[in-house]
Amino acid sequence: MCIKLYIKVKNFLEGFAKDESGMGTIEVIIIIAVLVSLALIFRNFIMDMAETIFEKIKAKTDSTINTL
């Protein structure tokens, strides 16, 4: 009885170790975590860059509207 249980548990654990069905999910989670951490590290730079871009867009649209 104990030997059958041992064999079943051993086969289950070997199959579990070889199973790679969840690897895609783990990879995506790791990539998202890296991107979020980079965004947090460079958030001031990103905010300043976005603000500069939007100021340039606003200035150009204002000048275009004024010429009409």
C-alpha atoms as a PDB file:
ATOM      1  CA  MET A   1       0.000   0.000   0.000  1.00  0.00           C
ATOM      2  CA  CYS A   2       2.744   2.465   0.943  1.00  0.00           C
ATOM      3  CA  ILE A   3       4.744   1.611  -2.168  1.00  0.00           C
ATOM      4  CA  LYS A   4       1.753   2.358  -4.437  1.00  0.00           C
ATOM      5  CA  LEU A   5       1.227   5.686  -2.712  1.00  0.00           C
ATOM      6  CA  TYR A   6       4.943   6.485  -3.005  1.00  0.00           C
ATOM      7  CA  ILE A   7       4.905   5.714  -6.737  1.00  0.00           C
ATOM      8  CA  LYS A   8       1.786   7.839  -7.299  1.00  0.00           C
ATOM      9  CA  VAL A   9       3.259  10.794  -5.414  1.00  0.00           C
ATOM     10  CA  LYS A  10       6.586  10.405  -7.215  1.00  0.00           C
ATOM     11  CA  ASN A  11       4.879  10.324 -10.630  1.00  0.00           C
ATOM     12  CA  PHE A  12       2.765  13.342  -9.720  1.00  0.00           C
ATOM     13  CA  LEU A  13       5.785  15.369  -8.601  1.00  0.00           C
ATOM     14  CA  GLU A  14       7.796  14.415 -11.695  1.00  0.00           C
ATOM     15  CA  GLY A  15       4.904  15.443 -13.931  1.00  0.00           C
ATOM     16  CA  PHE A  16       4.461  18.677 -12.000  1.00  0.00           C
ATOM     17  CA  ALA A  17       8.164  19.519 -12.352  1.00  0.00           C
ATOM     18  CA  LYS A  18       8.054  18.938 -16.125  1.00  0.00           C
ATOM     19  CA  ASP A  19       4.805  20.853 -16.664  1.00  0.00           C
ATOM     20  CA  GLU A  20       5.493  24.210 -18.338  1.00  0.00           C
ATOM     21  CA  SER A  21       1.933  25.342 -19.034  1.00  0.00           C
ATOM     22  CA  GLY A  22       2.147  28.334 -16.694  1.00  0.00           C
ATOM     23  CA  MET A  23       5.504  29.621 -17.929  1.00  0.00           C
ATOM     24  CA  GLY A  24       3.961  32.136 -20.352  1.00  0.00           C
ATOM     25  CA  THR A  25       2.008  33.765 -17.557  1.00  0.00           C
ATOM     26  CA  ILE A  26       5.042  34.001 -15.310  1.00  0.00           C
ATOM     27  CA  GLU A  27       7.094  35.571 -18.104  1.00  0.00           C
ATOM     28  CA  VAL A  28       4.425  38.196 -18.759  1.00  0.00           C
ATOM     29  CA  ILE A  29       4.193  39.018 -15.038  1.00  0.00           C
ATOM     30  CA  ILE A  30       7.977  39.431 -14.824  1.00  0.00           C
ATOM     31  CA  ILE A  31       8.031  41.724 -17.880  1.00  0.00           C
ATOM     32  CA  ILE A  32       5.202  43.851 -16.447  1.00  0.00           C
ATOM     33  CA  ALA A  33       7.001  44.075 -13.091  1.00  0.00           C
ATOM     34  CA  VAL A  34      10.195  45.248 -14.805  1.00  0.00           C
ATOM     35  CA  LEU A  35       8.321  47.869 -16.845  1.00  0.00           C
ATOM     36  CA  VAL A  36       6.477  49.173 -13.789  1.00  0.00           C
ATOM     37  CA  SER A  37       9.686  49.405 -11.789  1.00  0.00           C
ATOM     38  CA  LEU A  38      11.412  51.296 -14.621  1.00  0.00           C
ATOM     39  CA  ALA A  39       8.454  53.664 -14.845  1.00  0.00           C
ATOM     40  CA  LEU A  40       8.660  54.295 -11.095  1.00  0.00           C
ATOM     41  CA  ILE A  41      12.399  54.912 -11.249  1.00  0.00           C
ATOM     42  CA  PHE A  42      12.150  57.356 -14.161  1.00  0.00           C
ATOM     43  CA  ARG A  43       8.730  58.861 -13.342  1.00  0.00           C
ATOM     44  CA  ASN A  44      10.028  62.420 -12.908  1.00  0.00           C
ATOM     45  CA  PHE A  45      11.839  62.274 -16.245  1.00  0.00           C
ATOM     46  CA  ILE A  46       8.764  60.813 -17.964  1.00  0.00           C
ATOM     47  CA  MET A  47       6.465  63.454 -16.452  1.00  0.00           C
ATOM     48  CA  ASP A  48       8.799  66.297 -17.469  1.00  0.00           C
ATOM     49  CA  MET A  49       9.108  64.897 -20.988  1.00  0.00           C
ATOM     50  CA  ALA A  50       5.337  64.521 -21.362  1.00  0.00           C
ATOM     51  CA  GLU A  51       4.770  68.046 -20.034  1.00  0.00           C
ATOM     52  CA  THR A  52       7.292  69.476 -22.521  1.00  0.00           C
ATOM     53  CA  ILE A  53       5.676  67.620 -25.415  1.00  0.00           C
ATOM     54  CA  PHE A  54       2.176  68.800 -24.499  1.00  0.00           C
ATOM     55  CA  GLU A  55       3.379  72.387 -24.099  1.00  0.00           C
ATOM     56  CA  LYS A  56       4.880  72.265 -27.607  1.00  0.00           C
ATOM     57  CA  ILE A  57       1.654  70.807 -29.017  1.00  0.00           C
ATOM     58  CA  LYS A  58      -0.412  73.513 -27.311  1.00  0.00           C
ATOM     59  CA  ALA A  59       1.890  76.274 -28.573  1.00  0.00           C
ATOM     60  CA  LYS A  60       1.723  75.007 -32.153  1.00  0.00           C
ATOM     61  CA  THR A  61      -2.055  74.605 -32.111  1.00  0.00           C
ATOM     62  CA  ASP A  62      -2.456  78.072 -30.605  1.00  0.00           C
ATOM     63  CA  SER A  63      -0.243  79.593 -33.305  1.00  0.00           C
ATOM     64  CA  THR A  64      -2.152  77.696 -36.013  1.00  0.00           C
ATOM     65  CA  ILE A  65      -5.522  78.829 -34.683  1.00  0.00           C
ATOM     66  CA  ASN A  66      -4.308  82.444 -34.438  1.00  0.00           C
ATOM     67  CA  THR A  67      -3.249  82.448 -38.105  1.00  0.00           C
ATOM     68  CA  LEU A  68      -6.758  81.445 -39.212  1.00  0.00           C
END
